[in-house]
Amino acid sequence: MFGTAVFNSSLKWFSGGLHPESLLYASWEQLAGFMICTAFLSFGKKYWNTTSSWLTKLARCSFAVYILHPLVLISLSLIAKSWTIDPAFKFIVVGPAAVIFSFLLGYVVVKIPGVNKVI
């Protein structure tokens, strides 16, 4: 690993504990996540700043999805728990399914007469 060669330290020091390597890795991870999110937002603002009837319906369901997505994620994760396949493949299957089912559940909840005024 690059970090072990540069810092001449054990690999386990990067995964936790009171070590400078652990602090460096944790800081880098947060900074990289922030930069990726900023890049996606900038890209979306420049290229996806349009509207359509489909996107309007998705936007209407977004708050319901925000509230209900843990229910969908936990349910799909428990279903996929018993699969004896690579976790990366599980993520490829469960991730898009979670997005689709979260928006479907949000769409159904928004259609409920009393709830649609709150959500």
PDB file of N, CA and C in Angstrom:
ATOM      1  N   MET A   1       0.833  -1.182   0.000  1.00  0.00           N
ATOM      2  CA  MET A   1       0.000   0.000   0.000  1.00  0.00           C
ATOM      3  C   MET A   1       0.876   1.243   0.000  1.00  0.00           C
ATOM      4  N   PHE A   2       0.389   2.259  -0.651  1.00  0.00           N
ATOM      5  CA  PHE A   2       1.138   3.506  -0.782  1.00  0.00           C
ATOM      6  C   PHE A   2       1.411   4.145   0.578  1.00  0.00           C
ATOM      7  N   GLY A   3       0.395   4.159   1.454  1.00  0.00           N
ATOM      8  CA  GLY A   3       0.548   4.792   2.765  1.00  0.00           C
ATOM      9  C   GLY A   3       1.590   4.124   3.636  1.00  0.00           C
ATOM     10  N   THR A   4       1.659   2.808   3.589  1.00  0.00           N
ATOM     11  CA  THR A   4       2.647   2.103   4.412  1.00  0.00           C
ATOM     12  C   THR A   4       4.059   2.353   3.904  1.00  0.00           C
ATOM     13  N   ALA A   5       4.218   2.513   2.592  1.00  0.00           N
ATOM     14  CA  ALA A   5       5.537   2.784   2.042  1.00  0.00           C
ATOM     15  C   ALA A   5       5.991   4.210   2.371  1.00  0.00           C
ATOM     16  N   VAL A   6       5.089   5.156   2.289  1.00  0.00           N
ATOM     17  CA  VAL A   6       5.448   6.558   2.538  1.00  0.00           C
ATOM     18  C   VAL A   6       5.711   6.802   4.021  1.00  0.00           C
ATOM     19  N   PHE A   7       4.825   6.295   4.883  1.00  0.00           N
ATOM     20  CA  PHE A   7       4.950   6.570   6.312  1.00  0.00           C
ATOM     21  C   PHE A   7       5.778   5.534   7.062  1.00  0.00           C
ATOM     22  N   ASN A   8       6.136   4.442   6.388  1.00  0.00           N
ATOM     23  CA  ASN A   8       6.924   3.377   6.995  1.00  0.00           C
ATOM     24  C   ASN A   8       6.275   2.913   8.303  1.00  0.00           C
ATOM     25  N   SER A   9       4.965   2.617   8.218  1.00  0.00           N
ATOM     26  CA  SER A   9       4.218   2.204   9.398  1.00  0.00           C
ATOM     27  C   SER A   9       3.323   1.022   9.048  1.00  0.00           C
ATOM     28  N   SER A  10       2.756   0.445  10.064  1.00  0.00           N
ATOM     29  CA  SER A  10       1.905  -0.720   9.898  1.00  0.00           C
ATOM     30  C   SER A  10       0.580  -0.327   9.245  1.00  0.00           C
ATOM     31  N   LEU A  11       0.016  -1.247   8.483  1.00  0.00           N
ATOM     32  CA  LEU A  11      -1.258  -1.003   7.815  1.00  0.00           C
ATOM     33  C   LEU A  11      -2.390  -0.836   8.818  1.00  0.00           C
ATOM     34  N   LYS A  12      -2.310  -1.525   9.960  1.00  0.00           N
ATOM     35  CA  LYS A  12      -3.383  -1.426  10.949  1.00  0.00           C
ATOM     36  C   LYS A  12      -3.446  -0.046  11.608  1.00  0.00           C
ATOM     37  N   TRP A  13      -2.391   0.741  11.542  1.00  0.00           N
ATOM     38  CA  TRP A  13      -2.418   2.080  12.105  1.00  0.00           C
ATOM     39  C   TRP A  13      -3.356   3.001  11.318  1.00  0.00           C
ATOM     40  N   PHE A  14      -3.634   2.668  10.063  1.00  0.00           N
ATOM     41  CA  PHE A  14      -4.525   3.484   9.247  1.00  0.00           C
ATOM     42  C   PHE A  14      -5.994   3.198   9.547  1.00  0.00           C
ATOM     43  N   SER A  15      -6.284   2.102  10.211  1.00  0.00           N
ATOM     44  CA  SER A  15      -7.677   1.705  10.399  1.00  0.00           C
ATOM     45  C   SER A  15      -8.245   2.075  11.766  1.00  0.00           C
ATOM     46  N   GLY A  16      -7.535   2.798  12.561  1.00  0.00           N
ATOM     47  CA  GLY A  16      -8.086   3.243  13.837  1.00  0.00           C
ATOM     48  C   GLY A  16      -7.036   3.375  14.901  1.00  0.00           C
ATOM     49  N   GLY A  17      -7.437   3.945  16.007  1.00  0.00           N
ATOM     50  CA  GLY A  17      -6.515   4.140  17.114  1.00  0.00           C
ATOM     51  C   GLY A  17      -5.986   5.566  17.128  1.00  0.00           C
ATOM     52  N   LEU A  18      -5.138   5.835  18.100  1.00  0.00           N
ATOM     53  CA  LEU A  18      -4.553   7.169  18.241  1.00  0.00           C
ATOM     54  C   LEU A  18      -3.210   7.223  17.524  1.00  0.00           C
ATOM     55  N   HIS A  19      -3.296   7.260  16.197  1.00  0.00           N
ATOM     56  CA  HIS A  19      -2.100   7.323  15.364  1.00  0.00           C
ATOM     57  C   HIS A  19      -2.272   8.460  14.362  1.00  0.00           C
ATOM     58  N   PRO A  20      -1.207   9.131  14.002  1.00  0.00           N
ATOM     59  CA  PRO A  20      -1.312  10.183  12.979  1.00  0.00           C
ATOM     60  C   PRO A  20      -1.817   9.626  11.647  1.00  0.00           C
ATOM     61  N   GLU A  21      -1.463   8.387  11.345  1.00  0.00           N
ATOM     62  CA  GLU A  21      -1.912   7.778  10.093  1.00  0.00           C
ATOM     63  C   GLU A  21      -3.427   7.606  10.084  1.00  0.00           C
ATOM     64  N   SER A  22      -3.986   7.258  11.216  1.00  0.00           N
ATOM     65  CA  SER A  22      -5.432   7.104  11.335  1.00  0.00           C
ATOM     66  C   SER A  22      -6.132   8.448  11.152  1.00  0.00           C
ATOM     67  N   LEU A  23      -5.594   9.500  11.746  1.00  0.00           N
ATOM     68  CA  LEU A  23      -6.156  10.842  11.580  1.00  0.00           C
ATOM     69  C   LEU A  23      -6.059  11.291  10.130  1.00  0.00           C
ATOM     70  N   LEU A  24      -4.937  11.023   9.487  1.00  0.00           N
ATOM     71  CA  LEU A  24      -4.759  11.394   8.088  1.00  0.00           C
ATOM     72  C   LEU A  24      -5.771  10.678   7.198  1.00  0.00           C
ATOM     73  N   TYR A  25      -5.945   9.384   7.416  1.00  0.00           N
ATOM     74  CA  TYR A  25      -6.884   8.615   6.605  1.00  0.00           C
ATOM     75  C   TYR A  25      -8.319   9.082   6.826  1.00  0.00           C
ATOM     76  N   ALA A  26      -8.709   9.341   8.071  1.00  0.00           N
ATOM     77  CA  ALA A  26     -10.062   9.803   8.363  1.00  0.00           C
ATOM     78  C   ALA A  26     -10.312  11.178   7.742  1.00  0.00           C
ATOM     79  N   SER A  27      -9.331  12.050   7.806  1.00  0.00           N
ATOM     80  CA  SER A  27      -9.469  13.382   7.200  1.00  0.00           C
ATOM     81  C   SER A  27      -9.555  13.286   5.681  1.00  0.00           C
ATOM     82  N   TRP A  28      -8.701  12.466   5.089  1.00  0.00           N
ATOM     83  CA  TRP A  28      -8.724  12.292   3.637  1.00  0.00           C
ATOM     84  C   TRP A  28     -10.061  11.735   3.176  1.00  0.00           C
ATOM     85  N   GLU A  29     -10.601  10.777   3.917  1.00  0.00           N
ATOM     86  CA  GLU A  29     -11.864  10.158   3.534  1.00  0.00           C
ATOM     87  C   GLU A  29     -12.999  11.177   3.532  1.00  0.00           C
ATOM     88  N   GLN A  30     -13.065  12.027   4.547  1.00  0.00           N
ATOM     89  CA  GLN A  30     -14.108  13.050   4.618  1.00  0.00           C
ATOM     90  C   GLN A  30     -13.923  14.104   3.534  1.00  0.00           C
ATOM     91  N   LEU A  31     -12.709  14.505   3.301  1.00  0.00           N
ATOM     92  CA  LEU A  31     -12.439  15.500   2.271  1.00  0.00           C
ATOM     93  C   LEU A  31     -12.779  14.951   0.880  1.00  0.00           C
ATOM     94  N   ALA A  32     -12.413  13.709   0.625  1.00  0.00           N
ATOM     95  CA  ALA A  32     -12.728  13.098  -0.671  1.00  0.00           C
ATOM     96  C   ALA A  32     -14.243  12.987  -0.862  1.00  0.00           C
ATOM     97  N   GLY A  33     -14.963  12.608   0.173  1.00  0.00           N
ATOM     98  CA  GLY A  33     -16.423  12.533   0.082  1.00  0.00           C
ATOM     99  C   GLY A  33     -17.040  13.893  -0.192  1.00  0.00           C
ATOM    100  N   PHE A  34     -16.552  14.920   0.481  1.00  0.00           N
ATOM    101  CA  PHE A  34     -17.050  16.274   0.252  1.00  0.00           C
ATOM    102  C   PHE A  34     -16.776  16.720  -1.182  1.00  0.00           C
ATOM    103  N   MET A  35     -15.596  16.422  -1.689  1.00  0.00           N
ATOM    104  CA  MET A  35     -15.244  16.824  -3.051  1.00  0.00           C
ATOM    105  C   MET A  35     -16.075  16.073  -4.088  1.00  0.00           C
ATOM    106  N   ILE A  36     -16.346  14.810  -3.863  1.00  0.00           N
ATOM    107  CA  ILE A  36     -17.181  14.038  -4.786  1.00  0.00           C
ATOM    108  C   ILE A  36     -18.598  14.596  -4.804  1.00  0.00           C
ATOM    109  N   CYS A  37     -19.158  14.881  -3.635  1.00  0.00           N
ATOM    110  CA  CYS A  37     -20.513  15.460  -3.567  1.00  0.00           C
ATOM    111  C   CYS A  37     -20.560  16.815  -4.259  1.00  0.00           C
ATOM    112  N   THR A  38     -19.550  17.654  -4.056  1.00  0.00           N
ATOM    113  CA  THR A  38     -19.496  18.961  -4.694  1.00  0.00           C
ATOM    114  C   THR A  38     -19.403  18.819  -6.213  1.00  0.00           C
ATOM    115  N   ALA A  39     -18.608  17.851  -6.681  1.00  0.00           N
ATOM    116  CA  ALA A  39     -18.491  17.634  -8.122  1.00  0.00           C
ATOM    117  C   ALA A  39     -19.819  17.175  -8.715  1.00  0.00           C
ATOM    118  N   PHE A  40     -20.529  16.276  -8.035  1.00  0.00           N
ATOM    119  CA  PHE A  40     -21.832  15.828  -8.529  1.00  0.00           C
ATOM    120  C   PHE A  40     -22.833  16.988  -8.566  1.00  0.00           C
ATOM    121  N   LEU A  41     -22.840  17.821  -7.527  1.00  0.00           N
ATOM    122  CA  LEU A  41     -23.748  18.965  -7.522  1.00  0.00           C
ATOM    123  C   LEU A  41     -23.433  19.948  -8.650  1.00  0.00           C
ATOM    124  N   SER A  42     -22.158  20.218  -8.879  1.00  0.00           N
ATOM    125  CA  SER A  42     -21.770  21.115  -9.964  1.00  0.00           C
ATOM    126  C   SER A  42     -22.142  20.542 -11.321  1.00  0.00           C
ATOM    127  N   PHE A  43     -21.890  19.257 -11.507  1.00  0.00           N
ATOM    128  CA  PHE A  43     -22.242  18.591 -12.766  1.00  0.00           C
ATOM    129  C   PHE A  43     -23.747  18.624 -12.981  1.00  0.00           C
ATOM    130  N   GLY A  44     -24.500  18.330 -11.934  1.00  0.00           N
ATOM    131  CA  GLY A  44     -25.954  18.343 -12.043  1.00  0.00           C
ATOM    132  C   GLY A  44     -26.502  19.727 -12.326  1.00  0.00           C
ATOM    133  N   LYS A  45     -25.926  20.735 -11.713  1.00  0.00           N
ATOM    134  CA  LYS A  45     -26.382  22.108 -11.952  1.00  0.00           C
ATOM    135  C   LYS A  45     -26.142  22.520 -13.397  1.00  0.00           C
ATOM    136  N   LYS A  46     -25.029  22.080 -13.958  1.00  0.00           N
ATOM    137  CA  LYS A  46     -24.683  22.494 -15.317  1.00  0.00           C
ATOM    138  C   LYS A  46     -25.435  21.695 -16.379  1.00  0.00           C
ATOM    139  N   TYR A  47     -25.573  20.377 -16.192  1.00  0.00           N
ATOM    140  CA  TYR A  47     -26.086  19.526 -17.261  1.00  0.00           C
ATOM    141  C   TYR A  47     -27.486  18.974 -17.017  1.00  0.00           C
ATOM    142  N   TRP A  48     -27.932  18.882 -15.770  1.00  0.00           N
ATOM    143  CA  TRP A  48     -29.234  18.273 -15.487  1.00  0.00           C
ATOM    144  C   TRP A  48     -30.251  19.269 -14.962  1.00  0.00           C
ATOM    145  N   ASN A  49     -30.033  20.547 -15.183  1.00  0.00           N
ATOM    146  CA  ASN A  49     -30.916  21.581 -14.657  1.00  0.00           C
ATOM    147  C   ASN A  49     -32.096  21.794 -15.608  1.00  0.00           C
ATOM    148  N   THR A  50     -32.850  20.734 -15.825  1.00  0.00           N
ATOM    149  CA  THR A  50     -34.034  20.782 -16.663  1.00  0.00           C
ATOM    150  C   THR A  50     -35.193  20.166 -15.897  1.00  0.00           C
ATOM    151  N   THR A  51     -36.369  20.276 -16.462  1.00  0.00           N
ATOM    152  CA  THR A  51     -37.527  19.688 -15.815  1.00  0.00           C
ATOM    153  C   THR A  51     -38.341  18.904 -16.835  1.00  0.00           C
ATOM    154  N   SER A  52     -39.056  17.952 -16.321  1.00  0.00           N
ATOM    155  CA  SER A  52     -39.976  17.160 -17.136  1.00  0.00           C
ATOM    156  C   SER A  52     -41.100  16.707 -16.214  1.00  0.00           C
ATOM    157  N   SER A  53     -42.139  16.130 -16.787  1.00  0.00           N
ATOM    158  CA  SER A  53     -43.247  15.685 -15.941  1.00  0.00           C
ATOM    159  C   SER A  53     -42.790  14.553 -15.017  1.00  0.00           C
ATOM    160  N   TRP A  54     -41.908  13.690 -15.509  1.00  0.00           N
ATOM    161  CA  TRP A  54     -41.414  12.579 -14.693  1.00  0.00           C
ATOM    162  C   TRP A  54     -40.585  13.096 -13.517  1.00  0.00           C
ATOM    163  N   LEU A  55     -39.695  14.058 -13.783  1.00  0.00           N
ATOM    164  CA  LEU A  55     -38.882  14.628 -12.705  1.00  0.00           C
ATOM    165  C   LEU A  55     -39.722  15.414 -11.707  1.00  0.00           C
ATOM    166  N   THR A  56     -40.798  16.035 -12.190  1.00  0.00           N
ATOM    167  CA  THR A  56     -41.706  16.742 -11.291  1.00  0.00           C
ATOM    168  C   THR A  56     -42.390  15.775 -10.334  1.00  0.00           C
ATOM    169  N   LYS A  57     -42.792  14.600 -10.840  1.00  0.00           N
ATOM    170  CA  LYS A  57     -43.401  13.579  -9.979  1.00  0.00           C
ATOM    171  C   LYS A  57     -42.394  13.048  -8.965  1.00  0.00           C
ATOM    172  N   LEU A  58     -41.158  12.835  -9.414  1.00  0.00           N
ATOM    173  CA  LEU A  58     -40.117  12.375  -8.483  1.00  0.00           C
ATOM    174  C   LEU A  58     -39.854  13.426  -7.406  1.00  0.00           C
ATOM    175  N   ALA A  59     -39.819  14.689  -7.799  1.00  0.00           N
ATOM    176  CA  ALA A  59     -39.581  15.758  -6.832  1.00  0.00           C
ATOM    177  C   ALA A  59     -40.719  15.829  -5.812  1.00  0.00           C
ATOM    178  N   ARG A  60     -41.944  15.584  -6.254  1.00  0.00           N
ATOM    179  CA  ARG A  60     -43.094  15.598  -5.352  1.00  0.00           C
ATOM    180  C   ARG A  60     -42.990  14.500  -4.303  1.00  0.00           C
ATOM    181  N   CYS A  61     -42.367  13.374  -4.655  1.00  0.00           N
ATOM    182  CA  CYS A  61     -42.237  12.229  -3.749  1.00  0.00           C
ATOM    183  C   CYS A  61     -40.974  12.284  -2.894  1.00  0.00           C
ATOM    184  N   SER A  62     -40.100  13.242  -3.124  1.00  0.00           N
ATOM    185  CA  SER A  62     -38.771  13.206  -2.511  1.00  0.00           C
ATOM    186  C   SER A  62     -38.805  13.285  -0.985  1.00  0.00           C
ATOM    187  N   PHE A  63     -39.697  14.070  -0.407  1.00  0.00           N
ATOM    188  CA  PHE A  63     -39.734  14.152   1.055  1.00  0.00           C
ATOM    189  C   PHE A  63     -40.241  12.841   1.659  1.00  0.00           C
ATOM    190  N   ALA A  64     -41.224  12.219   1.004  1.00  0.00           N
ATOM    191  CA  ALA A  64     -41.693  10.914   1.471  1.00  0.00           C
ATOM    192  C   ALA A  64     -40.576   9.884   1.374  1.00  0.00           C
ATOM    193  N   VAL A  65     -39.786   9.949   0.316  1.00  0.00           N
ATOM    194  CA  VAL A  65     -38.646   9.040   0.169  1.00  0.00           C
ATOM    195  C   VAL A  65     -37.636   9.284   1.282  1.00  0.00           C
ATOM    196  N   TYR A  66     -37.391  10.531   1.602  1.00  0.00           N
ATOM    197  CA  TYR A  66     -36.463  10.879   2.677  1.00  0.00           C
ATOM    198  C   TYR A  66     -36.907  10.259   4.003  1.00  0.00           C
ATOM    199  N   ILE A  67     -38.201  10.289   4.259  1.00  0.00           N
ATOM    200  CA  ILE A  67     -38.723   9.751   5.510  1.00  0.00           C
ATOM    201  C   ILE A  67     -38.745   8.226   5.509  1.00  0.00           C
ATOM    202  N   LEU A  68     -39.117   7.611   4.384  1.00  0.00           N
ATOM    203  CA  LEU A  68     -39.395   6.176   4.345  1.00  0.00           C
ATOM    204  C   LEU A  68     -38.252   5.304   3.815  1.00  0.00           C
ATOM    205  N   HIS A  69     -37.187   5.893   3.318  1.00  0.00           N
ATOM    206  CA  HIS A  69     -36.137   5.062   2.723  1.00  0.00           C
ATOM    207  C   HIS A  69     -35.474   4.087   3.703  1.00  0.00           C
ATOM    208  N   PRO A  70     -35.356   4.391   5.014  1.00  0.00           N
ATOM    209  CA  PRO A  70     -34.774   3.371   5.899  1.00  0.00           C
ATOM    210  C   PRO A  70     -35.589   2.087   5.946  1.00  0.00           C
ATOM    211  N   LEU A  71     -36.900   2.208   5.874  1.00  0.00           N
ATOM    212  CA  LEU A  71     -37.761   1.024   5.855  1.00  0.00           C
ATOM    213  C   LEU A  71     -37.447   0.143   4.644  1.00  0.00           C
ATOM    214  N   VAL A  72     -37.298   0.761   3.491  1.00  0.00           N
ATOM    215  CA  VAL A  72     -36.996   0.013   2.262  1.00  0.00           C
ATOM    216  C   VAL A  72     -35.590  -0.564   2.323  1.00  0.00           C
ATOM    217  N   LEU A  73     -34.626   0.225   2.752  1.00  0.00           N
ATOM    218  CA  LEU A  73     -33.237  -0.251   2.805  1.00  0.00           C
ATOM    219  C   LEU A  73     -33.062  -1.420   3.763  1.00  0.00           C
ATOM    220  N   ILE A  74     -33.656  -1.318   4.935  1.00  0.00           N
ATOM    221  CA  ILE A  74     -33.529  -2.397   5.911  1.00  0.00           C
ATOM    222  C   ILE A  74     -34.228  -3.650   5.408  1.00  0.00           C
ATOM    223  N   SER A  75     -35.398  -3.500   4.808  1.00  0.00           N
ATOM    224  CA  SER A  75     -36.122  -4.658   4.280  1.00  0.00           C
ATOM    225  C   SER A  75     -35.324  -5.359   3.186  1.00  0.00           C
ATOM    226  N   LEU A  76     -34.809  -4.592   2.237  1.00  0.00           N
ATOM    227  CA  LEU A  76     -34.029  -5.203   1.152  1.00  0.00           C
ATOM    228  C   LEU A  76     -32.721  -5.798   1.669  1.00  0.00           C
ATOM    229  N   SER A  77     -32.113  -5.159   2.643  1.00  0.00           N
ATOM    230  CA  SER A  77     -30.873  -5.699   3.213  1.00  0.00           C
ATOM    231  C   SER A  77     -31.122  -7.022   3.937  1.00  0.00           C
ATOM    232  N   LEU A  78     -32.223  -7.111   4.642  1.00  0.00           N
ATOM    233  CA  LEU A  78     -32.544  -8.376   5.312  1.00  0.00           C
ATOM    234  C   LEU A  78     -32.873  -9.471   4.307  1.00  0.00           C
ATOM    235  N   ILE A  79     -33.519  -9.115   3.203  1.00  0.00           N
ATOM    236  CA  ILE A  79     -33.788 -10.099   2.162  1.00  0.00           C
ATOM    237  C   ILE A  79     -32.483 -10.587   1.544  1.00  0.00           C
ATOM    238  N   ALA A  80     -31.557  -9.669   1.298  1.00  0.00           N
ATOM    239  CA  ALA A  80     -30.290 -10.022   0.651  1.00  0.00           C
ATOM    240  C   ALA A  80     -29.270 -10.620   1.616  1.00  0.00           C
ATOM    241  N   LYS A  81     -29.565 -10.621   2.900  1.00  0.00           N
ATOM    242  CA  LYS A  81     -28.607 -11.104   3.900  1.00  0.00           C
ATOM    243  C   LYS A  81     -28.229 -12.566   3.681  1.00  0.00           C
ATOM    244  N   SER A  82     -29.174 -13.372   3.272  1.00  0.00           N
ATOM    245  CA  SER A  82     -28.910 -14.802   3.141  1.00  0.00           C
ATOM    246  C   SER A  82     -28.255 -15.170   1.807  1.00  0.00           C
ATOM    247  N   TRP A  83     -28.097 -14.233   0.901  1.00  0.00           N
ATOM    248  CA  TRP A  83     -27.432 -14.533  -0.371  1.00  0.00           C
ATOM    249  C   TRP A  83     -25.970 -14.844  -0.114  1.00  0.00           C
ATOM    250  N   THR A  84     -25.489 -15.878  -0.738  1.00  0.00           N
ATOM    251  CA  THR A  84     -24.074 -16.253  -0.587  1.00  0.00           C
ATOM    252  C   THR A  84     -23.304 -15.807  -1.823  1.00  0.00           C
ATOM    253  N   ILE A  85     -23.376 -14.519  -2.113  1.00  0.00           N
ATOM    254  CA  ILE A  85     -22.647 -13.962  -3.251  1.00  0.00           C
ATOM    255  C   ILE A  85     -21.768 -12.822  -2.756  1.00  0.00           C
ATOM    256  N   ASP A  86     -20.965 -12.313  -3.634  1.00  0.00           N
ATOM    257  CA  ASP A  86     -20.051 -11.227  -3.312  1.00  0.00           C
ATOM    258  C   ASP A  86     -20.833  -9.991  -2.848  1.00  0.00           C
ATOM    259  N   PRO A  87     -20.411  -9.346  -1.768  1.00  0.00           N
ATOM    260  CA  PRO A  87     -21.119  -8.154  -1.283  1.00  0.00           C
ATOM    261  C   PRO A  87     -21.201  -7.034  -2.322  1.00  0.00           C
ATOM    262  N   ALA A  88     -20.221  -6.918  -3.190  1.00  0.00           N
ATOM    263  CA  ALA A  88     -20.268  -5.883  -4.230  1.00  0.00           C
ATOM    264  C   ALA A  88     -21.426  -6.150  -5.193  1.00  0.00           C
ATOM    265  N   PHE A  89     -21.667  -7.406  -5.508  1.00  0.00           N
ATOM    266  CA  PHE A  89     -22.791  -7.739  -6.379  1.00  0.00           C
ATOM    267  C   PHE A  89     -24.117  -7.479  -5.667  1.00  0.00           C
ATOM    268  N   LYS A  90     -24.154  -7.761  -4.369  1.00  0.00           N
ATOM    269  CA  LYS A  90     -25.360  -7.436  -3.593  1.00  0.00           C
ATOM    270  C   LYS A  90     -25.646  -5.939  -3.665  1.00  0.00           C
ATOM    271  N   PHE A  91     -24.604  -5.138  -3.546  1.00  0.00           N
ATOM    272  CA  PHE A  91     -24.766  -3.692  -3.617  1.00  0.00           C
ATOM    273  C   PHE A  91     -25.287  -3.266  -4.985  1.00  0.00           C
ATOM    274  N   ILE A  92     -24.776  -3.889  -6.036  1.00  0.00           N
ATOM    275  CA  ILE A  92     -25.220  -3.560  -7.391  1.00  0.00           C
ATOM    276  C   ILE A  92     -26.690  -3.901  -7.581  1.00  0.00           C
ATOM    277  N   VAL A  93     -27.175  -4.937  -6.907  1.00  0.00           N
ATOM    278  CA  VAL A  93     -28.582  -5.333  -7.014  1.00  0.00           C
ATOM    279  C   VAL A  93     -29.453  -4.539  -6.051  1.00  0.00           C
ATOM    280  N   VAL A  94     -29.046  -4.447  -4.792  1.00  0.00           N
ATOM    281  CA  VAL A  94     -29.879  -3.835  -3.757  1.00  0.00           C
ATOM    282  C   VAL A  94     -29.915  -2.307  -3.895  1.00  0.00           C
ATOM    283  N   GLY A  95     -28.845  -1.678  -4.306  1.00  0.00           N
ATOM    284  CA  GLY A  95     -28.811  -0.220  -4.423  1.00  0.00           C
ATOM    285  C   GLY A  95     -29.870   0.345  -5.360  1.00  0.00           C
ATOM    286  N   PRO A  96     -29.855  -0.049  -6.636  1.00  0.00           N
ATOM    287  CA  PRO A  96     -30.904   0.458  -7.531  1.00  0.00           C
ATOM    288  C   PRO A  96     -32.306   0.015  -7.123  1.00  0.00           C
ATOM    289  N   ALA A  97     -32.439  -1.201  -6.605  1.00  0.00           N
ATOM    290  CA  ALA A  97     -33.757  -1.658  -6.149  1.00  0.00           C
ATOM    291  C   ALA A  97     -34.258  -0.789  -4.996  1.00  0.00           C
ATOM    292  N   ALA A  98     -33.356  -0.383  -4.115  1.00  0.00           N
ATOM    293  CA  ALA A  98     -33.745   0.467  -2.989  1.00  0.00           C
ATOM    294  C   ALA A  98     -34.217   1.833  -3.472  1.00  0.00           C
ATOM    295  N   VAL A  99     -33.540   2.387  -4.456  1.00  0.00           N
ATOM    296  CA  VAL A  99     -33.964   3.683  -4.999  1.00  0.00           C
ATOM    297  C   VAL A  99     -35.338   3.557  -5.648  1.00  0.00           C
ATOM    298  N   ILE A 100     -35.518   2.527  -6.459  1.00  0.00           N
ATOM    299  CA  ILE A 100     -36.790   2.341  -7.162  1.00  0.00           C
ATOM    300  C   ILE A 100     -37.930   2.113  -6.180  1.00  0.00           C
ATOM    301  N   PHE A 101     -37.740   1.188  -5.240  1.00  0.00           N
ATOM    302  CA  PHE A 101     -38.807   0.888  -4.287  1.00  0.00           C
ATOM    303  C   PHE A 101     -39.079   2.049  -3.320  1.00  0.00           C
ATOM    304  N   SER A 102     -38.040   2.824  -2.998  1.00  0.00           N
ATOM    305  CA  SER A 102     -38.252   3.991  -2.131  1.00  0.00           C
ATOM    306  C   SER A 102     -39.139   5.015  -2.831  1.00  0.00           C
ATOM    307  N   PHE A 103     -38.878   5.265  -4.109  1.00  0.00           N
ATOM    308  CA  PHE A 103     -39.713   6.216  -4.835  1.00  0.00           C
ATOM    309  C   PHE A 103     -41.111   5.663  -5.090  1.00  0.00           C
ATOM    310  N   LEU A 104     -41.221   4.361  -5.318  1.00  0.00           N
ATOM    311  CA  LEU A 104     -42.560   3.781  -5.474  1.00  0.00           C
ATOM    312  C   LEU A 104     -43.362   3.902  -4.180  1.00  0.00           C
ATOM    313  N   LEU A 105     -42.737   3.606  -3.054  1.00  0.00           N
ATOM    314  CA  LEU A 105     -43.416   3.748  -1.768  1.00  0.00           C
ATOM    315  C   LEU A 105     -43.759   5.214  -1.500  1.00  0.00           C
ATOM    316  N   GLY A 106     -42.840   6.120  -1.816  1.00  0.00           N
ATOM    317  CA  GLY A 106     -43.114   7.540  -1.647  1.00  0.00           C
ATOM    318  C   GLY A 106     -44.265   8.001  -2.519  1.00  0.00           C
ATOM    319  N   TYR A 107     -44.347   7.495  -3.743  1.00  0.00           N
ATOM    320  CA  TYR A 107     -45.444   7.852  -4.650  1.00  0.00           C
ATOM    321  C   TYR A 107     -46.781   7.371  -4.103  1.00  0.00           C
ATOM    322  N   VAL A 108     -46.794   6.151  -3.559  1.00  0.00           N
ATOM    323  CA  VAL A 108     -48.033   5.615  -2.985  1.00  0.00           C
ATOM    324  C   VAL A 108     -48.445   6.428  -1.760  1.00  0.00           C
ATOM    325  N   VAL A 109     -47.503   6.779  -0.912  1.00  0.00           N
ATOM    326  CA  VAL A 109     -47.818   7.527   0.306  1.00  0.00           C
ATOM    327  C   VAL A 109     -48.322   8.932  -0.032  1.00  0.00           C
ATOM    328  N   VAL A 110     -47.732   9.558  -1.038  1.00  0.00           N
ATOM    329  CA  VAL A 110     -48.154  10.900  -1.426  1.00  0.00           C
ATOM    330  C   VAL A 110     -49.583  10.883  -1.975  1.00  0.00           C
ATOM    331  N   LYS A 111     -50.015   9.773  -2.535  1.00  0.00           N
ATOM    332  CA  LYS A 111     -51.375   9.659  -3.087  1.00  0.00           C
ATOM    333  C   LYS A 111     -52.445   9.485  -2.010  1.00  0.00           C
ATOM    334  N   ILE A 112     -52.062   9.201  -0.768  1.00  0.00           N
ATOM    335  CA  ILE A 112     -53.039   9.061   0.318  1.00  0.00           C
ATOM    336  C   ILE A 112     -53.631  10.436   0.613  1.00  0.00           C
ATOM    337  N   PRO A 113     -54.967  10.565   0.634  1.00  0.00           N
ATOM    338  CA  PRO A 113     -55.608  11.882   0.716  1.00  0.00           C
ATOM    339  C   PRO A 113     -55.159  12.781   1.872  1.00  0.00           C
ATOM    340  N   GLY A 114     -55.091  12.327   3.088  1.00  0.00           N
ATOM    341  CA  GLY A 114     -54.708  13.199   4.193  1.00  0.00           C
ATOM    342  C   GLY A 114     -53.228  13.435   4.289  1.00  0.00           C
ATOM    343  N   VAL A 115     -52.465  12.473   3.878  1.00  0.00           N
ATOM    344  CA  VAL A 115     -51.005  12.538   4.016  1.00  0.00           C
ATOM    345  C   VAL A 115     -50.391  13.504   3.015  1.00  0.00           C
ATOM    346  N   ASN A 116     -50.997  13.621   1.839  1.00  0.00           N
ATOM    347  CA  ASN A 116     -50.393  14.454   0.800  1.00  0.00           C
ATOM    348  C   ASN A 116     -50.335  15.926   1.176  1.00  0.00           C
ATOM    349  N   LYS A 117     -51.086  16.358   2.180  1.00  0.00           N
ATOM    350  CA  LYS A 117     -50.995  17.749   2.630  1.00  0.00           C
ATOM    351  C   LYS A 117     -49.845  17.953   3.604  1.00  0.00           C
ATOM    352  N   VAL A 118     -49.425  16.878   4.253  1.00  0.00           N
ATOM    353  CA  VAL A 118     -48.331  16.962   5.217  1.00  0.00           C
ATOM    354  C   VAL A 118     -46.989  16.731   4.530  1.00  0.00           C
ATOM    355  N   ILE A 119     -46.963  15.779   3.637  1.00  0.00           N
ATOM    356  CA  ILE A 119     -45.703  15.422   2.964  1.00  0.00           C
ATOM    357  C   ILE A 119     -45.633  16.140   1.626  1.00  0.00           C
TER     358      ILE A 119
END
